[in-house]
Every structure is written in C-alpha cells, then in structure tokens.
C-alpha cells in the first residue's frame, strides 16, 4: 500500500495502480487516471519552465470542470500552493485575493476573461485561459508559451493584468512538453490557501500544508470506509472545501468522481446517480431539503447509494427522519467541520436513532474538547468553545498574525497549537458533540460562509445608502438566508429591487441577499453600533 505524503501523490499513485480506470466524469467526458496525470504533468512542466517556484501561489478561477481538477494537481506537482476561487467572484474581491496572496499565475475560462483583464495586480505574471476555441472572435490575444518561458528571467513579464500575457490552456495540456515531474517538496510545505469569509469584511486566507490535507483526507476516507469501488457524485463547488475534498479523497482511494456544476437540475443529477451507479452523495442541508420536496423521487433506482454525508450546517432532525424512511439502506453521516481544519466530527450512522441532534465525535487521528472563557476544559452538559487538536489543523491565516493568534493558541503540550473554533458546543456523558451557536456573526448560506461585514462594505459603496445591516434569517431550503436592512439618504430614489440588482453585480451568488428591507432608522446600542440582536429577534 502506498503511503501518501503529498496531496499530488493521490493522483500519481492511483495513476500507477489504476492507469486505465475512469477517474473523472464530467458533461459526458470520461478521463482515466493516466490521462489526468499526463495533462497535469504537462501543465506542471509549463509552470516550472515559467519560473514558478516552491511555495508560489497559483489562482484557479474556474467553475467545476476538468480543467480545474487538472490545474489543482499541476500546481501541487510544481510545488506551488493552489487557490480555488469561486467562479462567481466579482472583480473587486478577485483583485483583493490576488494582491493579498501575490499570486503569480491565474487559470481561468474564456467567459471570465473580462473580469481578469479588468483588475490591477502587479504581481500577476501570466494568465492561462481555457475554453476559447476561436480566440480572435472572443477578443483574446494569446502569447505562445515559449515566449513566456524564454523571458522568464527578465522584467518584461512583470506587468499589471491588462498587459499580462495569456496562454492557451488547451495548447499546454494537449501539446505542451511531456515530463515526469518529481515531487520537490515535503509534507510541511504549503499546499493550498482557501479564502473564507471573515468577520472583518475581508476574506481570510486559510493556509493548509500537505500534511494538513493528507491527514484530513485519510481520516475522512477511513470513517466513510471508502475504497476504489466508490463512485462519488460531486456538485458542490470546488472552491468550497467540502466539494474540493470529494476530488482529493476519491483520487486518494482510486475511486471515480462524477463532477457536476450544481444541483440546479435535480432530476438530471438523480438520473446520473442511477446511470453511473453512484455510491457516495455529499450534500448540504439545502440539497437535502430540495431532494425531500421532490414528489417523484421514488421512480429513481438509487439502490447503488451506499452513503449520504451532510456538513456545512446542522441537518434538521425532521430531515434525518425522512431520509431514513425514504432510503433505509443508506448510511447517513451527519458531520461538522470548518475550513480551518476541514473536518472536526462525524456521527456514526448507527447512532442516528439515539442522538439525531448530535454531530458526533472527533474523527480518527484527532482530539476535541470544550473550554470555558478562561480556556479551562469543562465537563459534560456545559456549554463552551470547541477546541480541535490534530494534524489537520491549519498553519494559520495568510499574513494575518493577530487573527491567527486568536484561533491558534497554545495547547496542553509544549510547543503545540490547537484550534479554537469560535463555535459553542456542549458534550454529553459519552463524548458526543451538540452544536449550540456561533460566537461570531458569520452566516451559513447554501453551505458557504458569508460575512455580513463584507456585504455591508459593498452596500455602502452604492450612492444613496447611509446605513446597512446584514443578518442571517432562518430558511427551510438555504439553512440561513441573507437579509439586508437599509436606511436611505433623504430623497434617494433607490428601491429594494435596485439594491438587489446592485448586489448581484458585485457579490458572489451565495452572498446576494434573499431580501432587502428599506427602513427609516436602525436602532443602536449604547456604544453607537447598530443593534443586530433586535433585528434578529
């Protein structure tokens, strides 16, 4: 059995063991492990020839696609750290992430060319673009890769984005230099930076080492009992760690992933589950709520499904009961996690009947406990902050030492750091965890973290708005929906629809408020802050 040390070993070792096995199915295309490994090698060789060095950051601004999967592994093979950026991210936030991380290369699709070329990022050297079969019609001017490689040591490739050379992704992976890439790193090296919403308004870059990601993937595949016979349906965004890990875990065990863009067309997804004999179905409460509302779900032969997983938010007990009634043969895993450590806990399916409201115990190779405000460990039944100890805990937040120090604190043993999650839990006598509340005001919508401050910052840029307050409200489908309360300048012609339209233009889809309410005034606390507690009551 191979020992996976680096994340790229997941692909490389499966390509050795199962070269002709289908690894990825997407929009009718079926790629084997050998094909994916070959294309990732070509792209990695181009990265290296361009001067990408160990630890450099590579941005992947793509939707769920074959190209995105290959870009992830090519970055890792080149010893770079990849950054999956949600494909609905708008220019302002994209510019912040690229400048904050000082990313050198961005991979994107032709439909996003305008966004990428509109931003100002002095550190960005090259754009690699996929999907334009007729670049001249699309207004894209490609630069031959050889020109970039030959000039990599000169200053001429250091441009702001409007002048950055654009390479064709298809040319590279189809006819680029073929090379066997020898891993240049160790497991303590940076593998990924996953940007997640922060309470300050700017996204925080969660730094994950190869060790962090390999440890998390190993623990999860252990308790899910995954093996090479598993076929996993993934329609969760690869920019969401839950979606990303479906690829990583499947490639680790030599399984197959059916990669879709979303659950929008639920009947098409169900037909694919039947056709491909899917065994694993990762969900968030939103997807399960939609699934349970389908009137004719019984017509689908879903007997191939071995398990369903849920995380990102607590699954209502009523939903658990309905799933068990509809699919009594399926193992349902209720889980809890956060980007900073990927996964924290899981509830063994056999415990669902006895404690359906629990999110389980810490996963393998991990320790969890609860502390009070003084940092002292507390006993069963008491409410406190959940702390996580394990190799899966992040390195910290990218260039945010003060924020890192809030979450990574000294543990019980010399030299170690443990993760203070910021979430309040209680534990029963047998060690099972129960989520109580979030200490911060982060909203969980569609399984994604949403920062109210980030939305408010965007709203304040719209002429006519003098006050804005964003909160999360209960939603049966979304778990939480985003709602914005707005106070307008006197005489402003803005309507609620105007504000929603503006949000759609400047925010990712999952951050756009479901509703906007224009009010005359917003109540304040004694310190002059908007009193959001009143809005939520």
Protein backbone atom coordinates (compact mmCIF):
# COMPACT_ATOMS: atom_id res chain seq x y z
CA UNK A 1 0.00 0.00 0.00
CA UNK A 2 1.36 3.43 -0.95
CA UNK A 3 1.90 5.99 1.76
CA UNK A 4 0.61 9.37 0.64
CA UNK A 5 2.95 12.13 1.81
CA UNK A 6 1.95 14.91 -0.58
CA UNK A 7 -1.52 15.70 -1.90
CA UNK A 8 -0.37 15.20 -5.52
CA UNK A 9 0.50 11.60 -4.60
CA UNK A 10 -3.25 10.94 -4.53
CA UNK A 11 -3.31 11.28 -8.32
CA UNK A 12 0.16 9.91 -9.04
CA UNK A 13 -0.20 6.69 -7.07
CA UNK A 14 -3.72 6.00 -8.38
CA UNK A 15 -2.38 6.54 -11.92
CA UNK A 16 0.22 3.85 -11.20
CA UNK A 17 -2.29 1.42 -9.70
CA UNK A 18 -5.28 2.09 -11.98
CA UNK A 19 -3.97 3.83 -15.14
CA UNK A 20 -6.93 2.86 -17.34
CA UNK A 21 -9.65 3.35 -14.77
CA UNK A 22 -12.09 6.24 -15.23
CA UNK A 23 -11.25 8.82 -12.58
CA UNK A 24 -13.45 11.73 -13.62
CA UNK A 25 -16.79 12.03 -15.43
CA UNK A 26 -17.92 15.49 -16.48
CA UNK A 27 -20.52 16.55 -19.04
CA UNK A 28 -20.23 13.31 -20.98
CA UNK A 29 -16.42 13.20 -20.92
CA UNK A 30 -14.64 10.34 -19.17
CA UNK A 31 -10.98 10.70 -18.25
CA UNK A 32 -8.75 7.96 -16.86
CA UNK A 33 -6.17 8.41 -14.13
CA UNK A 34 -3.38 8.11 -16.70
CA UNK A 35 -4.91 10.84 -18.88
CA UNK A 36 -5.38 13.26 -16.00
CA UNK A 37 -1.87 12.61 -14.69
CA UNK A 38 -0.40 13.19 -18.16
CA UNK A 39 -2.22 16.51 -18.64
CA UNK A 40 -1.33 17.64 -15.10
CA UNK A 41 2.33 16.83 -15.84
CA UNK A 42 2.31 18.97 -18.99
CA UNK A 43 0.77 21.91 -17.14
CA UNK A 44 3.16 21.47 -14.18
CA UNK A 45 6.14 21.40 -16.55
CA UNK A 46 4.96 24.69 -18.05
CA UNK A 47 4.63 26.21 -14.57
CA UNK A 48 8.19 25.16 -13.72
CA UNK A 49 9.58 26.41 -17.03
CA UNK A 50 7.82 29.74 -16.44
CA UNK A 51 9.71 30.11 -13.17
CA UNK A 52 7.05 29.02 -10.66
CA UNK A 53 8.95 28.07 -7.53
CA UNK A 54 8.21 26.15 -4.37
CA UNK A 55 5.53 27.92 -2.36
CA UNK A 56 4.40 30.30 -5.14
CA UNK A 57 0.67 30.83 -5.35
CA UNK A 58 -1.42 29.74 -8.35
CA UNK A 59 -5.02 31.02 -8.58
CA UNK A 60 -7.69 28.83 -10.15
CA UNK A 61 -10.68 30.99 -11.08
CA UNK A 62 -12.90 28.36 -12.68
CA UNK A 63 -16.20 26.62 -12.18
CA UNK A 64 -16.43 22.86 -11.61
CA UNK A 65 -14.59 21.46 -14.63
CA UNK A 66 -11.96 19.02 -15.82
CA UNK A 67 -9.62 21.98 -16.32
CA UNK A 68 -9.96 23.00 -12.66
CA UNK A 69 -9.13 19.49 -11.43
CA UNK A 70 -6.04 19.28 -13.62
CA UNK A 71 -4.95 22.77 -12.53
CA UNK A 72 -5.13 21.76 -8.85
CA UNK A 73 -2.83 18.77 -9.30
CA UNK A 74 -0.50 20.58 -11.72
CA UNK A 75 0.02 23.33 -9.14
CA UNK A 76 0.85 20.75 -6.48
CA UNK A 77 3.20 18.85 -8.78
CA UNK A 78 5.08 22.11 -9.39
CA UNK A 79 5.38 22.54 -5.58
CA UNK A 80 3.13 25.61 -5.72
CA UNK A 81 0.12 26.32 -3.50
CA UNK A 82 -3.22 26.46 -5.30
CA UNK A 83 -6.08 28.84 -4.52
CA UNK A 84 -9.56 27.79 -5.70
CA UNK A 85 -11.58 30.98 -6.19
CA UNK A 86 -15.36 30.83 -6.54
CA UNK A 87 -16.25 31.33 -10.19
CA UNK A 88 -18.91 33.94 -9.31
CA UNK A 89 -16.38 36.17 -7.52
CA UNK A 90 -16.51 39.75 -8.77
CA UNK A 91 -13.54 41.84 -9.90
CA UNK A 92 -13.02 43.79 -6.66
CA UNK A 93 -12.75 40.70 -4.48
CA UNK A 94 -10.69 38.82 -7.05
CA UNK A 95 -8.24 41.71 -7.13
CA UNK A 96 -8.02 41.68 -3.33
CA UNK A 97 -7.27 37.94 -3.20
CA UNK A 98 -4.64 38.08 -5.94
CA UNK A 99 -2.91 41.11 -4.43
CA UNK A 100 -3.15 39.76 -0.89
CA UNK A 101 -1.64 36.41 -1.89
CA UNK A 102 0.72 37.86 -4.52
CA UNK A 103 -0.35 35.12 -6.91
CA UNK A 104 1.89 34.73 -9.94
CA UNK A 105 -0.43 32.83 -12.28
CA UNK A 106 -4.18 32.67 -12.71
CA UNK A 107 -6.03 29.96 -14.62
CA UNK A 108 -9.47 30.89 -15.82
CA UNK A 109 -12.05 30.29 -18.54
CA UNK A 110 -12.74 32.47 -21.56
CA UNK A 111 -16.09 33.61 -20.17
CA UNK A 112 -14.25 35.30 -17.30
CA UNK A 113 -11.59 36.98 -19.42
CA UNK A 114 -13.14 40.42 -18.99
CA UNK A 115 -13.09 40.21 -15.20
CA UNK A 116 -9.49 39.01 -15.05
CA UNK A 117 -8.24 41.61 -17.51
CA UNK A 118 -10.02 44.44 -15.68
CA UNK A 119 -8.11 44.14 -12.42
CA UNK A 120 -4.81 45.63 -11.29
CA UNK A 121 -2.41 43.04 -9.86
CA UNK A 122 1.29 43.93 -10.22
CA UNK A 123 2.48 40.51 -9.03
CA UNK A 124 0.47 38.54 -11.57
CA UNK A 125 2.75 37.41 -14.40
CA UNK A 126 0.62 35.18 -16.60
CA UNK A 127 -2.98 34.29 -17.41
CA UNK A 128 -3.72 30.76 -18.61
CA UNK A 129 -7.12 30.63 -20.26
CA UNK A 130 -9.33 27.72 -21.25
CA UNK A 131 -12.38 27.37 -23.41
CA UNK A 132 -11.94 29.80 -26.28
CA UNK A 133 -11.68 27.73 -29.45
CA UNK A 134 -11.69 30.87 -31.56
CA UNK A 135 -9.67 33.40 -29.53
CA UNK A 136 -9.79 36.12 -32.16
CA UNK A 137 -13.60 36.14 -32.13
CA UNK A 138 -13.52 36.24 -28.33
CA UNK A 139 -11.15 39.20 -28.41
CA UNK A 140 -8.37 37.20 -26.74
CA UNK A 141 -4.77 37.60 -27.86
CA UNK A 142 -2.75 34.53 -26.92
CA UNK A 143 1.00 34.56 -26.36
CA UNK A 144 2.99 31.41 -27.26
CA UNK A 145 4.17 29.67 -24.09
CA UNK A 146 7.75 29.59 -25.41
CA UNK A 147 7.91 33.39 -25.34
CA UNK A 148 7.00 33.45 -21.67
CA UNK A 149 9.40 30.65 -20.81
CA UNK A 150 12.29 32.23 -22.73
CA UNK A 151 11.77 35.58 -21.00
CA UNK A 152 11.04 34.30 -17.52
CA UNK A 153 14.17 35.80 -16.01
CA UNK A 154 13.58 39.26 -17.46
CA UNK A 155 11.42 42.06 -16.17
CA UNK A 156 9.26 42.11 -19.28
CA UNK A 157 6.77 39.59 -17.86
CA UNK A 158 6.10 41.67 -14.76
CA UNK A 159 3.01 43.53 -15.95
CA UNK A 160 -0.23 44.66 -14.49
CA UNK A 161 -3.01 42.35 -15.61
CA UNK A 162 -4.23 44.27 -18.70
CA UNK A 163 -0.80 43.64 -20.25
CA UNK A 164 -0.16 40.18 -18.82
CA UNK A 165 0.43 37.53 -21.49
CA UNK A 166 -2.34 34.99 -22.00
CA UNK A 167 -1.51 31.35 -22.69
CA UNK A 168 -3.89 28.76 -24.08
CA UNK A 169 -4.68 26.04 -21.56
CA UNK A 170 -5.65 23.63 -24.34
CA UNK A 171 -2.33 24.13 -26.17
CA UNK A 172 -0.40 23.38 -22.99
CA UNK A 173 -2.23 20.20 -21.90
CA UNK A 174 -2.60 18.80 -25.44
CA UNK A 175 0.78 19.58 -26.95
CA UNK A 176 2.97 21.02 -24.22
CA UNK A 177 6.23 19.49 -23.05
CA UNK A 178 5.75 16.00 -21.66
CA UNK A 179 7.70 15.41 -18.49
CA UNK A 180 7.57 13.21 -15.44
CA UNK A 181 7.50 15.60 -12.53
CA UNK A 182 9.49 14.62 -9.46
CA UNK A 183 7.98 15.99 -6.26
CA UNK A 184 10.10 18.86 -4.97
CA UNK A 185 8.51 19.34 -1.56
CA UNK A 186 7.85 17.84 1.84
CA UNK A 187 4.62 17.47 3.76
CA UNK A 188 5.15 20.65 5.79
CA UNK A 189 5.06 22.77 2.62
CA UNK A 190 2.11 25.00 1.81
CA UNK A 191 -0.36 23.13 -0.44
CA UNK A 192 -3.33 25.49 -0.61
CA UNK A 193 -4.73 28.81 0.51
CA UNK A 194 -8.51 28.67 0.83
CA UNK A 195 -10.06 32.10 1.16
CA UNK A 196 -13.03 32.18 3.51
CA UNK A 197 -15.24 34.99 4.77
CA UNK A 198 -14.06 36.77 7.89
CA UNK A 199 -15.94 38.92 10.38
CA UNK A 200 -13.70 41.90 9.50
CA UNK A 201 -15.11 42.16 5.97
CA UNK A 202 -12.07 40.99 4.00
CA UNK A 203 -11.69 37.28 3.23
CA UNK A 204 -9.06 35.38 5.21
CA UNK A 205 -6.63 33.02 3.51
CA UNK A 206 -6.60 29.69 5.36
CA UNK A 207 -3.14 28.17 4.86
CA UNK A 208 -3.09 24.39 4.59
CA UNK A 209 0.02 22.24 4.33
CA UNK A 210 0.24 18.92 2.52
CA UNK A 211 0.26 17.28 5.95
CA UNK A 212 -2.97 19.08 6.92
CA UNK A 213 -4.77 17.96 3.76
CA UNK A 214 -3.41 14.41 3.62
CA UNK A 215 -4.30 13.90 7.30
CA UNK A 216 -7.85 15.18 6.81
CA UNK A 217 -8.43 13.09 3.68
CA UNK A 218 -7.06 9.96 5.36
CA UNK A 219 -9.28 10.38 8.43
CA UNK A 220 -12.45 11.03 6.42
CA UNK A 221 -11.96 8.16 3.97
CA UNK A 222 -11.30 5.91 6.98
CA UNK A 223 -14.63 6.54 8.70
CA UNK A 224 -16.56 6.62 5.39
CA UNK A 225 -14.92 3.27 4.54
CA UNK A 226 -14.08 4.48 1.03
CA UNK A 227 -12.30 2.22 -1.45
CA UNK A 228 -11.58 2.07 -5.18
CA UNK A 229 -15.11 0.82 -5.90
CA UNK A 230 -16.69 4.08 -4.79
CA UNK A 231 -18.27 6.44 -7.31
CA UNK A 232 -18.83 9.86 -5.76
CA UNK A 233 -21.29 12.44 -7.06
CA UNK A 234 -19.97 15.97 -6.52
CA UNK A 235 -21.99 19.06 -7.47
CA UNK A 236 -20.55 21.18 -4.66
CA UNK A 237 -18.19 23.99 -5.78
CA UNK A 238 -14.51 23.09 -5.79
CA UNK A 239 -13.93 26.48 -4.13
CA UNK A 240 -15.83 25.08 -1.13
CA UNK A 241 -13.56 22.74 0.84
CA UNK A 242 -16.34 20.15 1.11
CA UNK A 243 -16.53 19.98 -2.70
CA UNK A 244 -12.74 20.14 -3.14
CA UNK A 245 -12.15 17.17 -0.84
CA UNK A 246 -14.51 14.95 -2.83
CA UNK A 247 -11.91 15.09 -5.62
CA UNK A 248 -8.96 14.65 -3.27
CA UNK A 249 -10.49 11.74 -1.37
CA UNK A 250 -11.68 9.91 -4.49
CA UNK A 251 -8.26 10.20 -6.11
CA UNK A 252 -6.61 9.03 -2.89
CA UNK A 253 -8.54 5.75 -2.89
CA UNK A 254 -8.60 5.28 -6.67
CA UNK A 255 -12.34 5.89 -6.96
CA UNK A 256 -14.38 7.80 -9.54
CA UNK A 257 -15.93 11.28 -9.32
CA UNK A 258 -18.98 12.39 -11.26
CA UNK A 259 -18.40 16.14 -11.34
CA UNK A 260 -21.35 18.47 -11.90
CA UNK A 261 -21.67 22.24 -11.63
CA UNK A 262 -24.62 22.40 -9.21
CA UNK A 263 -27.81 20.72 -8.01
CA UNK A 264 -29.97 23.17 -10.00
CA UNK A 265 -31.32 20.44 -12.26
CA UNK A 266 -32.05 17.89 -9.59
CA UNK A 267 -33.65 15.32 -11.90
CA UNK A 268 -30.55 15.28 -14.12
CA UNK A 269 -28.39 14.62 -11.05
CA UNK A 270 -30.63 11.78 -9.96
CA UNK A 271 -30.54 10.26 -13.44
CA UNK A 272 -26.73 10.41 -13.33
CA UNK A 273 -26.70 8.70 -9.94
CA UNK A 274 -28.71 5.88 -11.47
CA UNK A 275 -26.67 5.70 -14.70
CA UNK A 276 -23.21 5.80 -13.08
CA UNK A 277 -24.18 3.64 -10.10
CA UNK A 278 -23.05 6.33 -7.66
CA UNK A 279 -22.20 5.10 -4.16
CA UNK A 280 -21.41 8.37 -2.32
CA UNK A 281 -23.55 11.51 -2.28
CA UNK A 282 -22.16 14.52 -0.34
CA UNK A 283 -24.87 17.04 0.50
CA UNK A 284 -25.58 20.22 2.43
CA UNK A 285 -28.95 20.88 4.11
CA UNK A 286 -30.08 22.95 1.09
CA UNK A 287 -29.66 19.98 -1.27
CA UNK A 288 -31.37 17.58 1.12
CA UNK A 289 -34.31 19.98 1.55
CA UNK A 290 -34.77 20.14 -2.24
CA UNK A 291 -34.41 16.37 -2.51
CA UNK A 292 -37.13 15.78 0.08
CA UNK A 293 -39.54 18.09 -1.75
CA UNK A 294 -39.42 16.06 -4.97
CA UNK A 295 -42.73 14.27 -5.43
CA UNK A 296 -41.49 11.51 -7.72
CA UNK A 297 -38.18 10.59 -6.15
CA UNK A 298 -39.41 7.02 -5.76
CA UNK A 299 -39.19 6.44 -9.51
CA UNK A 300 -35.37 6.57 -9.39
CA UNK A 301 -33.41 3.42 -8.64
CA UNK A 302 -30.99 4.74 -6.03
CA UNK A 303 -30.04 1.38 -4.59
CA UNK A 304 -26.40 1.89 -5.61
CA UNK A 305 -26.03 4.63 -2.98
CA UNK A 306 -24.04 3.42 0.00
CA UNK A 307 -23.87 6.68 1.93
CA UNK A 308 -25.01 10.30 2.11
CA UNK A 309 -22.97 12.87 4.02
CA UNK A 310 -24.05 16.24 5.37
CA UNK A 311 -21.99 19.12 6.69
CA UNK A 312 -21.73 22.95 6.39
CA UNK A 313 -24.74 23.33 8.68
CA UNK A 314 -26.81 21.23 11.06
CA UNK A 315 -29.27 18.89 9.39
CA UNK A 316 -32.75 19.23 10.95
CA UNK A 317 -33.90 16.13 12.80
CA UNK A 318 -37.05 16.06 10.64
CA UNK A 319 -34.89 15.78 7.52
CA UNK A 320 -32.88 12.93 9.05
CA UNK A 321 -36.09 11.05 9.77
CA UNK A 322 -37.42 11.49 6.23
CA UNK A 323 -34.14 10.38 4.62
CA UNK A 324 -34.09 7.24 6.73
CA UNK A 325 -37.68 6.50 5.74
CA UNK A 326 -37.02 7.05 2.03
CA UNK A 327 -33.63 5.32 1.87
CA UNK A 328 -33.42 2.82 4.76
CA UNK A 329 -30.36 1.06 3.24
CA UNK A 330 -28.25 4.22 3.03
CA UNK A 331 -25.74 5.19 5.72
CA UNK A 332 -26.31 8.83 6.64
CA UNK A 333 -23.32 10.66 8.12
CA UNK A 334 -24.08 13.86 10.00
CA UNK A 335 -20.84 15.84 10.26
CA UNK A 336 -19.37 19.14 11.41
CA UNK A 337 -16.33 20.97 10.13
CA UNK A 338 -14.75 24.28 9.24
CA UNK A 339 -12.22 25.32 6.61
CA UNK A 340 -9.52 25.83 9.25
CA UNK A 341 -9.29 22.08 9.86
CA UNK A 342 -11.53 20.63 7.16
CA UNK A 343 -13.49 18.19 9.33
CA UNK A 344 -14.00 18.01 13.08
CA UNK A 345 -16.54 15.29 13.80
CA UNK A 346 -18.93 12.71 12.39
CA UNK A 347 -21.84 10.78 13.85
CA UNK A 348 -21.69 7.05 13.12
CA UNK A 349 -24.89 6.16 11.23
CA UNK A 350 -25.85 3.58 13.85
CA UNK A 351 -26.09 6.40 16.42
CA UNK A 352 -28.65 8.45 14.45
CA UNK A 353 -31.62 6.84 16.15
CA UNK A 354 -30.34 7.54 19.66
CA UNK A 355 -28.93 11.06 19.17
CA UNK A 356 -30.13 12.60 15.87
CA UNK A 357 -29.24 16.15 17.01
CA UNK A 358 -25.57 15.31 17.57
CA UNK A 359 -22.73 15.91 15.08
CA UNK A 360 -20.80 13.05 16.60
CA UNK A 361 -17.30 12.63 18.00
CA UNK A 362 -13.92 13.77 16.73
CA UNK A 363 -12.83 11.91 13.61
CA UNK A 364 -9.87 9.47 13.59
CA UNK A 365 -6.45 10.92 14.49
CA UNK A 366 -7.96 13.99 16.14
CA UNK A 367 -8.87 15.16 19.64
CA UNK A 368 -11.68 17.57 20.51
CA UNK A 369 -12.68 19.15 23.81
CA UNK A 370 -14.68 22.10 25.12
CA UNK A 371 -13.35 25.01 27.18
CA UNK A 372 -14.84 27.89 29.14
CA UNK A 373 -13.93 31.58 28.73
CA UNK A 374 -10.76 31.06 30.81
CA UNK A 375 -9.61 28.29 28.47
CA UNK A 376 -10.28 25.57 31.06
CA UNK A 377 -11.62 22.22 29.95
CA UNK A 378 -15.24 21.71 31.05
CA UNK A 379 -17.39 18.67 31.64
CA UNK A 380 -20.47 17.07 30.06
CA UNK A 381 -23.54 19.27 29.67
CA UNK A 382 -21.66 22.57 30.00
CA UNK A 383 -21.55 24.99 27.08
CA UNK A 384 -18.22 26.33 25.87
CA UNK A 385 -15.97 26.83 22.85
CA UNK A 386 -14.95 23.77 20.86
CA UNK A 387 -11.21 23.18 20.51
CA UNK A 388 -9.61 20.90 17.91
CA UNK A 389 -6.22 19.22 18.17
CA UNK A 390 -4.77 17.32 15.21
CA UNK A 391 -2.53 17.26 12.14
CA UNK A 392 -5.47 18.57 10.10
CA UNK A 393 -5.41 21.97 11.85
CA UNK A 394 -4.34 24.81 9.54
CA UNK A 395 -0.98 26.57 9.55
CA UNK A 396 -2.73 29.90 10.12
CA UNK A 397 -4.22 32.79 8.16
CA UNK A 398 -2.11 34.19 5.33
CA UNK A 399 -0.18 37.21 6.62
CA UNK A 400 -2.69 37.80 9.45
CA UNK A 401 -0.67 37.07 12.62
CA UNK A 402 -3.11 38.74 15.02
CA UNK A 403 -6.11 36.90 13.57
CA UNK A 404 -4.12 33.66 13.58
CA UNK A 405 -3.25 34.13 17.26
CA UNK A 406 -6.97 34.38 18.11
CA UNK A 407 -7.70 30.95 16.66
CA UNK A 408 -4.41 29.07 17.06
CA UNK A 409 -3.42 29.08 20.72
CA UNK A 410 -1.01 27.08 22.87
CA UNK A 411 -2.30 23.62 23.71
CA UNK A 412 -1.74 21.40 26.73
CA UNK A 413 1.58 20.06 25.47
CA UNK A 414 4.83 22.02 24.92
CA UNK A 415 5.15 23.63 21.51
CA UNK A 416 1.76 22.66 20.10
CA UNK A 417 -1.01 24.93 18.80
CA UNK A 418 -4.67 23.97 18.87
CA UNK A 419 -7.62 25.45 17.01
CA UNK A 420 -10.23 27.46 18.88
CA UNK A 421 -13.19 27.13 16.51
CA UNK A 422 -15.23 30.10 17.68
CA UNK A 423 -18.29 27.82 17.89
CA UNK A 424 -20.16 26.98 21.06
CA UNK A 425 -20.89 23.33 21.81
CA UNK A 426 -21.86 21.01 24.60
CA UNK A 427 -20.79 17.40 25.03
CA UNK A 428 -22.81 14.55 26.54
CA UNK A 429 -21.57 11.93 29.01
CA UNK A 430 -20.40 9.66 26.17
CA UNK A 431 -18.42 12.37 24.40
CA UNK A 432 -20.89 13.21 21.60
CA UNK A 433 -20.98 16.83 20.44
CA UNK A 434 -24.00 19.14 20.06
CA UNK A 435 -23.77 22.45 18.24
CA UNK A 436 -25.21 25.39 20.22
CA UNK A 437 -24.32 28.67 18.45
CA UNK A 438 -21.63 30.66 16.66
CA UNK A 439 -19.62 33.15 18.67
CA UNK A 440 -19.16 35.41 15.64
CA UNK A 441 -21.86 36.68 13.29
CA UNK A 442 -20.88 34.61 10.24
CA UNK A 443 -23.92 33.43 8.25
CA UNK A 444 -24.04 29.94 6.73
CA UNK A 445 -25.97 30.17 3.44
CA UNK A 446 -26.08 27.31 0.92
CA UNK A 447 -23.29 25.71 2.94
CA UNK A 448 -20.96 28.69 2.36
CA UNK A 449 -19.61 31.09 4.98
CA UNK A 450 -20.98 34.60 4.45
CA UNK A 451 -19.55 37.65 6.18
CA UNK A 452 -22.20 40.33 6.94
CA UNK A 453 -19.41 42.92 7.09
CA UNK A 454 -18.29 42.06 3.56
CA UNK A 455 -21.80 42.56 2.18
CA UNK A 456 -22.24 45.76 4.18
CA UNK A 457 -18.98 47.14 2.78
CA UNK A 458 -20.30 46.61 -0.74
CA UNK A 459 -23.68 48.15 0.11
CA UNK A 460 -22.08 51.30 1.49
CA UNK A 461 -20.45 51.90 -1.88
CA UNK A 462 -23.87 52.37 -3.50
CA UNK A 463 -24.83 56.05 -3.63
CA UNK A 464 -27.94 56.70 -1.58
CA UNK A 465 -27.32 54.20 1.24
CA UNK A 466 -26.40 55.72 4.57
CA UNK A 467 -26.81 52.68 6.83
CA UNK A 468 -26.82 48.94 6.18
CA UNK A 469 -27.20 45.95 8.46
CA UNK A 470 -26.96 42.38 7.21
CA UNK A 471 -28.17 39.39 9.21
CA UNK A 472 -28.94 35.72 8.69
CA UNK A 473 -32.55 34.59 8.86
CA UNK A 474 -33.93 31.06 9.01
CA UNK A 475 -34.70 29.50 5.66
CA UNK A 476 -36.03 25.98 5.23
CA UNK A 477 -34.11 25.45 1.98
CA UNK A 478 -30.93 27.50 2.49
CA UNK A 479 -30.49 26.86 6.21
CA UNK A 480 -29.87 30.57 6.61
CA UNK A 481 -30.74 33.27 4.10
CA UNK A 482 -29.15 36.71 3.88
CA UNK A 483 -31.32 39.71 4.68
CA UNK A 484 -30.26 43.36 4.41
CA UNK A 485 -31.84 46.27 6.29
CA UNK A 486 -31.19 49.60 4.56
CA UNK A 487 -31.55 53.25 5.56
CA UNK A 488 -31.51 55.60 2.55
CA UNK A 489 -30.47 59.21 2.20
CA UNK A 490 -33.40 61.60 2.15
CA UNK A 491 -34.83 61.77 -1.35
CA UNK A 492 -32.94 58.74 -2.67
CA UNK A 493 -34.83 57.01 -5.49
CA UNK A 494 -33.32 53.59 -4.73
CA UNK A 495 -35.76 50.71 -4.49
CA UNK A 496 -35.31 47.28 -2.97
CA UNK A 497 -35.00 45.81 -6.47
CA UNK A 498 -32.30 48.36 -7.34
CA UNK A 499 -30.30 47.23 -4.31
CA UNK A 500 -30.73 43.54 -5.08
CA UNK A 501 -29.64 44.13 -8.67
CA UNK A 502 -26.55 46.01 -7.44
CA UNK A 503 -25.69 43.15 -5.05
CA UNK A 504 -25.98 40.64 -7.90
CA UNK A 505 -23.44 42.66 -9.87
CA UNK A 506 -20.91 42.94 -7.03
CA UNK A 507 -21.23 39.80 -4.89
CA UNK A 508 -20.91 36.06 -5.38
CA UNK A 509 -24.25 34.36 -5.92
CA UNK A 510 -24.42 32.84 -2.45
CA UNK A 511 -23.79 36.26 -0.82
CA UNK A 512 -26.59 38.12 -2.59
CA UNK A 513 -29.38 38.92 -0.07
CA UNK A 514 -32.57 36.96 -0.48
CA UNK A 515 -34.47 40.04 0.61
CA UNK A 516 -33.89 43.73 1.29
CA UNK A 517 -35.98 45.85 3.63
CA UNK A 518 -35.77 49.64 3.49
CA UNK A 519 -36.40 51.17 6.93
CA UNK A 520 -36.49 54.70 8.33
CA UNK A 521 -33.92 54.04 11.05
CA UNK A 522 -31.86 51.28 12.67
CA UNK A 523 -31.69 51.06 16.45
CA UNK A 524 -28.26 51.43 18.06
CA UNK A 525 -26.57 50.01 21.15
CA UNK A 526 -25.24 52.23 23.91
CA UNK A 527 -21.87 52.28 22.12
CA UNK A 528 -23.49 53.57 18.92
CA UNK A 529 -23.37 50.32 16.97
CA UNK A 530 -26.36 49.02 15.00
CA UNK A 531 -28.22 46.64 17.28
CA UNK A 532 -28.47 43.48 15.17
CA UNK A 533 -29.86 41.46 18.06
CA UNK A 534 -33.11 43.42 17.80
CA UNK A 535 -33.26 42.74 14.06
CA UNK A 536 -32.87 39.01 14.68
CA UNK A 537 -35.47 38.78 17.44
